[in-house]
Structures are given as C-alpha cells and as structure tokens.
C-alpha atoms as a PDB file:
ATOM      1  CA  MET A   1      -4.167  66.907  29.796  1.00  0.00           C
ATOM      2  CA  ALA A   2      -3.614  65.634  33.357  1.00  0.00           C
ATOM      3  CA  LYS A   3      -3.937  68.258  36.116  1.00  0.00           C
ATOM      4  CA  LYS A   4      -0.994  69.007  38.355  1.00  0.00           C
ATOM      5  CA  VAL A   5      -0.724  69.470  42.015  1.00  0.00           C
ATOM      6  CA  ALA A   6       0.779  72.522  43.700  1.00  0.00           C
ATOM      7  CA  ILE A   7       2.385  72.228  46.934  1.00  0.00           C
ATOM      8  CA  ILE A   8       2.901  75.548  48.629  1.00  0.00           C
ATOM      9  CA  MET A   9       5.063  75.827  51.703  1.00  0.00           C
ATOM     10  CA  GLY A  10       4.989  78.778  54.056  1.00  0.00           C
ATOM     11  CA  SER A  11       8.729  78.241  54.666  1.00  0.00           C
ATOM     12  CA  ASP A  12      11.498  76.200  53.190  1.00  0.00           C
ATOM     13  CA  SER A  13      11.931  74.577  56.608  1.00  0.00           C
ATOM     14  CA  ASP A  14       8.732  72.660  55.790  1.00  0.00           C
ATOM     15  CA  LEU A  15      10.431  70.707  53.012  1.00  0.00           C
ATOM     16  CA  PRO A  16      11.426  67.619  55.095  1.00  0.00           C
ATOM     17  CA  VAL A  17       7.757  66.995  55.772  1.00  0.00           C
ATOM     18  CA  VAL A  18       6.526  68.091  52.367  1.00  0.00           C
ATOM     19  CA  LYS A  19       8.863  65.572  50.646  1.00  0.00           C
ATOM     20  CA  GLU A  20       6.438  62.947  51.819  1.00  0.00           C
ATOM     21  CA  ALA A  21       3.704  64.430  49.693  1.00  0.00           C
ATOM     22  CA  ALA A  22       6.097  64.741  46.706  1.00  0.00           C
ATOM     23  CA  LYS A  23       6.951  61.023  47.047  1.00  0.00           C
ATOM     24  CA  GLU A  24       3.318  60.005  47.110  1.00  0.00           C
ATOM     25  CA  LEU A  25       2.418  62.179  44.085  1.00  0.00           C
ATOM     26  CA  LYS A  26       5.487  60.826  42.121  1.00  0.00           C
ATOM     27  CA  ASN A  27       4.406  57.148  42.961  1.00  0.00           C
ATOM     28  CA  PHE A  28       1.107  57.867  41.264  1.00  0.00           C
ATOM     29  CA  GLY A  29       2.717  59.690  38.348  1.00  0.00           C
ATOM     30  CA  VAL A  30       1.106  63.045  39.220  1.00  0.00           C
ATOM     31  CA  GLU A  31       3.039  66.108  38.078  1.00  0.00           C
ATOM     32  CA  PHE A  32       3.595  68.629  40.846  1.00  0.00           C
ATOM     33  CA  GLU A  33       5.389  71.879  41.697  1.00  0.00           C
ATOM     34  CA  ILE A  34       6.678  72.972  45.036  1.00  0.00           C
ATOM     35  CA  HIS A  35       6.980  76.660  45.958  1.00  0.00           C
ATOM     36  CA  VAL A  36       7.608  78.787  49.042  1.00  0.00           C
ATOM     37  CA  MET A  37       5.010  81.585  49.554  1.00  0.00           C
ATOM     38  CA  SER A  38       4.035  83.263  52.773  1.00  0.00           C
ATOM     39  CA  ALA A  39       0.475  84.371  53.702  1.00  0.00           C
ATOM     40  CA  HIS A  40       1.964  87.200  55.630  1.00  0.00           C
ATOM     41  CA  ARG A  41       5.309  88.040  53.970  1.00  0.00           C
ATOM     42  CA  THR A  42       4.313  87.552  50.257  1.00  0.00           C
ATOM     43  CA  PRO A  43       0.548  87.729  50.276  1.00  0.00           C
ATOM     44  CA  GLU A  44       0.410  89.119  46.771  1.00  0.00           C
ATOM     45  CA  ALA A  45       2.477  86.219  45.362  1.00  0.00           C
ATOM     46  CA  ALA A  46       0.222  83.672  47.095  1.00  0.00           C
ATOM     47  CA  ALA A  47      -2.929  85.436  45.828  1.00  0.00           C
ATOM     48  CA  ASP A  48      -1.526  85.689  42.328  1.00  0.00           C
ATOM     49  CA  PHE A  49      -0.580  82.018  42.276  1.00  0.00           C
ATOM     50  CA  ALA A  50      -4.014  80.973  43.477  1.00  0.00           C
ATOM     51  CA  LYS A  51      -5.805  83.181  40.970  1.00  0.00           C
ATOM     52  CA  ASN A  52      -3.988  81.658  38.103  1.00  0.00           C
ATOM     53  CA  ALA A  53      -3.521  78.044  39.296  1.00  0.00           C
ATOM     54  CA  SER A  54      -6.368  76.594  37.294  1.00  0.00           C
ATOM     55  CA  ASP A  55      -5.201  78.346  34.153  1.00  0.00           C
ATOM     56  CA  ASN A  56      -1.723  77.086  34.711  1.00  0.00           C
ATOM     57  CA  GLY A  57      -2.924  73.404  34.796  1.00  0.00           C
ATOM     58  CA  PHE A  58      -3.328  72.756  38.467  1.00  0.00           C
ATOM     59  CA  GLY A  59      -6.254  70.742  39.777  1.00  0.00           C
ATOM     60  CA  VAL A  60      -5.458  70.797  43.491  1.00  0.00           C
ATOM     61  CA  ILE A  61      -3.412  72.988  45.853  1.00  0.00           C
ATOM     62  CA  ILE A  62      -1.661  71.660  48.977  1.00  0.00           C
ATOM     63  CA  ALA A  63      -0.740  74.323  51.497  1.00  0.00           C
ATOM     64  CA  ALA A  64       1.803  73.454  54.285  1.00  0.00           C
ATOM     65  CA  ALA A  65       1.929  76.084  57.020  1.00  0.00           C
ATOM     66  CA  GLY A  66       2.833  76.247  60.717  1.00  0.00           C
ATOM     67  CA  MET A  67       1.890  78.390  63.653  1.00  0.00           C
ATOM     68  CA  ALA A  68      -0.773  80.887  62.485  1.00  0.00           C
ATOM     69  CA  ALA A  69      -1.180  78.724  59.388  1.00  0.00           C
ATOM     70  CA  HIS A  70      -3.151  81.226  57.228  1.00  0.00           C
ATOM     71  CA  LEU A  71      -1.596  80.053  53.984  1.00  0.00           C
ATOM     72  CA  GLY A  72      -4.308  77.558  53.123  1.00  0.00           C
ATOM     73  CA  GLY A  73      -7.067  80.074  53.784  1.00  0.00           C
ATOM     74  CA  VAL A  74      -5.409  82.722  51.718  1.00  0.00           C
ATOM     75  CA  LEU A  75      -4.959  80.406  48.686  1.00  0.00           C
ATOM     76  CA  ALA A  76      -8.553  79.148  48.975  1.00  0.00           C
ATOM     77  CA  ALA A  77      -9.790  82.747  49.031  1.00  0.00           C
ATOM     78  CA  TYR A  78      -8.471  83.385  45.565  1.00  0.00           C
ATOM     79  CA  THR A  79      -9.297  80.087  43.792  1.00  0.00           C
ATOM     80  CA  ILE A  80     -12.211  77.611  43.253  1.00  0.00           C
ATOM     81  CA  LEU A  81      -9.629  74.671  43.208  1.00  0.00           C
ATOM     82  CA  PRO A  82      -9.713  72.359  46.243  1.00  0.00           C
ATOM     83  CA  VAL A  83      -7.048  73.370  48.835  1.00  0.00           C
ATOM     84  CA  ILE A  84      -5.714  70.783  51.283  1.00  0.00           C
ATOM     85  CA  GLY A  85      -4.016  72.182  54.381  1.00  0.00           C
ATOM     86  CA  ILE A  86      -1.098  70.466  56.093  1.00  0.00           C
ATOM     87  CA  PRO A  87      -0.727  71.899  59.621  1.00  0.00           C
ATOM     88  CA  MET A  88       2.960  71.850  60.400  1.00  0.00           C
ATOM     89  CA  GLU A  89       4.395  70.991  63.791  1.00  0.00           C
ATOM     90  CA  SER A  90       6.082  73.884  65.439  1.00  0.00           C
ATOM     91  CA  THR A  91       8.338  74.211  68.470  1.00  0.00           C
ATOM     92  CA  ARG A  92       5.850  76.110  70.532  1.00  0.00           C
ATOM     93  CA  LEU A  93       2.495  74.260  70.531  1.00  0.00           C
ATOM     94  CA  ASP A  94       3.449  70.956  68.617  1.00  0.00           C
ATOM     95  CA  GLY A  95       1.308  72.079  65.644  1.00  0.00           C
ATOM     96  CA  ILE A  96      -2.025  72.382  67.535  1.00  0.00           C
ATOM     97  CA  ASP A  97      -1.982  76.086  66.618  1.00  0.00           C
ATOM     98  CA  ALA A  98      -1.547  75.313  62.944  1.00  0.00           C
ATOM     99  CA  LEU A  99      -4.162  72.593  63.063  1.00  0.00           C
ATOM    100  CA  LEU A 100      -6.840  74.896  64.671  1.00  0.00           C
ATOM    101  CA  ALA A 101      -5.930  77.727  62.192  1.00  0.00           C
ATOM    102  CA  THR A 102      -6.157  75.410  59.172  1.00  0.00           C
ATOM    103  CA  VAL A 103      -9.384  73.680  60.133  1.00  0.00           C
ATOM    104  CA  GLN A 104     -11.217  76.810  61.357  1.00  0.00           C
ATOM    105  CA  MET A 105     -12.033  78.350  58.034  1.00  0.00           C
ATOM    106  CA  PRO A 106     -14.995  80.692  57.562  1.00  0.00           C
ATOM    107  CA  LYS A 107     -18.102  79.558  55.560  1.00  0.00           C
ATOM    108  CA  GLY A 108     -17.296  79.851  51.856  1.00  0.00           C
ATOM    109  CA  VAL A 109     -13.602  79.412  52.181  1.00  0.00           C
ATOM    110  CA  PRO A 110     -13.043  75.695  52.865  1.00  0.00           C
ATOM    111  CA  VAL A 111      -9.660  74.135  53.324  1.00  0.00           C
ATOM    112  CA  ALA A 112      -9.597  70.254  53.652  1.00  0.00           C
ATOM    113  CA  THR A 113      -7.253  69.559  56.621  1.00  0.00           C
ATOM    114  CA  VAL A 114      -5.138  66.507  57.291  1.00  0.00           C
ATOM    115  CA  ALA A 115      -3.191  65.585  60.417  1.00  0.00           C
ATOM    116  CA  ILE A 116      -0.319  67.646  61.754  1.00  0.00           C
ATOM    117  CA  ASN A 117       2.656  66.940  59.300  1.00  0.00           C
ATOM    118  CA  GLY A 118       0.247  64.681  57.373  1.00  0.00           C
ATOM    119  CA  ALA A 119       1.867  65.329  54.017  1.00  0.00           C
ATOM    120  CA  ALA A 120       1.429  61.753  52.656  1.00  0.00           C
ATOM    121  CA  ASN A 121      -2.345  61.912  53.289  1.00  0.00           C
ATOM    122  CA  ALA A 122      -2.568  65.399  51.722  1.00  0.00           C
ATOM    123  CA  ALA A 123      -1.035  63.997  48.550  1.00  0.00           C
ATOM    124  CA  LEU A 124      -3.332  60.894  48.532  1.00  0.00           C
ATOM    125  CA  LEU A 125      -6.333  63.181  49.066  1.00  0.00           C
ATOM    126  CA  ALA A 126      -5.170  65.239  46.072  1.00  0.00           C
ATOM    127  CA  VAL A 127      -4.810  62.108  43.971  1.00  0.00           C
ATOM    128  CA  GLN A 128      -8.339  61.018  45.027  1.00  0.00           C
ATOM    129  CA  ILE A 129      -9.672  64.448  43.949  1.00  0.00           C
ATOM    130  CA  LEU A 130      -7.867  64.204  40.465  1.00  0.00           C
ATOM    131  CA  ALA A 131      -9.005  60.531  40.135  1.00  0.00           C
ATOM    132  CA  LEU A 132     -12.591  61.678  39.935  1.00  0.00           C
ATOM    133  CA  SER A 133     -11.867  62.664  36.312  1.00  0.00           C
ATOM    134  CA  ASP A 134      -8.904  60.340  35.618  1.00  0.00           C
ATOM    135  CA  SER A 135      -9.512  56.660  35.329  1.00  0.00           C
ATOM    136  CA  THR A 136      -5.794  55.701  35.360  1.00  0.00           C
ATOM    137  CA  LEU A 137      -5.403  57.390  38.831  1.00  0.00           C
ATOM    138  CA  SER A 138      -8.590  55.738  40.021  1.00  0.00           C
ATOM    139  CA  GLU A 139      -7.193  52.300  39.024  1.00  0.00           C
ATOM    140  CA  LYS A 140      -3.905  53.106  40.772  1.00  0.00           C
ATOM    141  CA  LEU A 141      -5.761  54.087  43.954  1.00  0.00           C
ATOM    142  CA  SER A 142      -7.736  50.817  43.830  1.00  0.00           C
ATOM    143  CA  ASP A 143      -4.492  48.837  43.347  1.00  0.00           C
ATOM    144  CA  MET A 144      -3.040  50.657  46.351  1.00  0.00           C
ATOM    145  CA  LYS A 145      -6.075  49.789  48.525  1.00  0.00           C
ATOM    146  CA  ALA A 146      -5.898  46.153  47.486  1.00  0.00           C
ATOM    147  CA  LYS A 147      -2.252  45.923  48.332  1.00  0.00           C
ATOM    148  CA  MET A 148      -2.897  47.504  51.808  1.00  0.00           C
ATOM    149  CA  LYS A 149      -5.703  44.992  52.379  1.00  0.00           C
ATOM    150  CA  LYS A 150      -3.323  42.083  51.387  1.00  0.00           C
ATOM    151  CA  THR A 151      -0.522  43.404  53.577  1.00  0.00           C
ATOM    152  CA  ILE A 152      -2.770  43.557  56.638  1.00  0.00           C
ATOM    153  CA  ALA A 153      -4.185  40.034  56.007  1.00  0.00           C
ATOM    154  CA  GLU A 154      -0.657  38.727  55.635  1.00  0.00           C
ATOM    155  CA  LYS A 155       0.378  40.448  58.964  1.00  0.00           C
ATOM    156  CA  ASP A 156      -2.759  38.977  60.723  1.00  0.00           C
ATOM    157  CA  GLN A 157      -1.862  35.512  59.424  1.00  0.00           C
ATOM    158  CA  LYS A 158       1.597  35.753  60.728  1.00  0.00           C
ATOM    159  CA  LEU A 159       0.348  37.070  64.091  1.00  0.00           C
ATOM    160  CA  GLN A 160      -2.137  34.145  64.353  1.00  0.00           C
ATOM    161  CA  GLU A 161       0.731  31.696  63.700  1.00  0.00           C
ATOM    162  CA  GLU A 162       2.852  33.334  66.486  1.00  0.00           C
ATOM    163  CA  ILE A 163       0.129  33.329  68.937  1.00  0.00           C
ATOM    164  CA  LYS A 164      -0.718  29.674  68.121  1.00  0.00           C
ATOM    165  CA  ASN A 165       2.996  28.694  68.757  1.00  0.00           C
ATOM    166  CA  LEU A 166       3.016  30.874  71.851  1.00  0.00           C
ATOM    167  CA  ILE A 167       0.091  29.109  73.454  1.00  0.00           C
ATOM    168  CA  SER A 168       0.782  25.546  72.366  1.00  0.00           C
END
C-alpha cells in the first residue's frame, strides 16, 4: 500500500502556503492529509499524531510553522519518519525566525528544512523520499525533471533568437 504524506500546520492561517504542497502531492497522485496542531497549544495531539503516523499509513510528515517554529522538532521527536519543515513567513521577522528555529534541530532530531514558505519543494522532497520504494513515483519524478529540462532549453532557444534579431 502506498504511503501517505501528513501536512501539519501550526495555524490555519498557514493554509494559503500549504495549498502549494497539496497541489504538488495531488499532481503526483500521493494521498495526503492536512491538520492543524500546535507545538505549544496542543503538544499532546502533535505527539500522539507523530507516535502513530507510521501505523496510520504515513511515510513522511511535513510541518509548517512560523515564528518559534517548534512544530517540526516536536513531531520529529516522536517519530522515526522523515519530517520536512516549512518555515512560514511572519509579520515580524519575515520568516527568518522560523527558518532558524526549524533548521537548528539538536543532534538526533533531524528536520529537513526548505525555504521560507517553500511548500512546493517540501512536497517534492516528500515525493522523492516516497519514490525510494515506489517505482511509479520515481518515474513521475523523472518525467517532471525531463519536462523542466525541455522547458529551459525551449526558453533558451527563444532567447537566442530574440538576441540574434536584436543585434542584427
């Protein structure tokens, strides 16, 4: 049975960014769930979710949190599944606080970290992790990379033609 991805948000206000992860997972046909849990306001729920995530069919957890951004670390403390942190932009420090909090995990509690508001890359990293044991996902990733390569080559060709016309 294919593994699911859990997307845990520290606040429902994170949903506009988290939707980008959901879109990528949907594009790859990866089942996912999105929940709101707080490292500080509902730590028991976050711990319980992480402890049972593997038994509940999850293969990767994505944690989106801003400011102190402890959610990824709390989830990682209670599971052996890979946890990917999305530091969320905030109004005070533009997400730098969340980035530093997410990336500075202590030894033994790793949280892979993507860019501030980098939900799409968090989903793609989750897909890459799942693709290690899923050849269908692996093929879809290879196809995506090939399409990206083709698109860039086409853009370069178009640019070369514009430059040629410009200097002629």
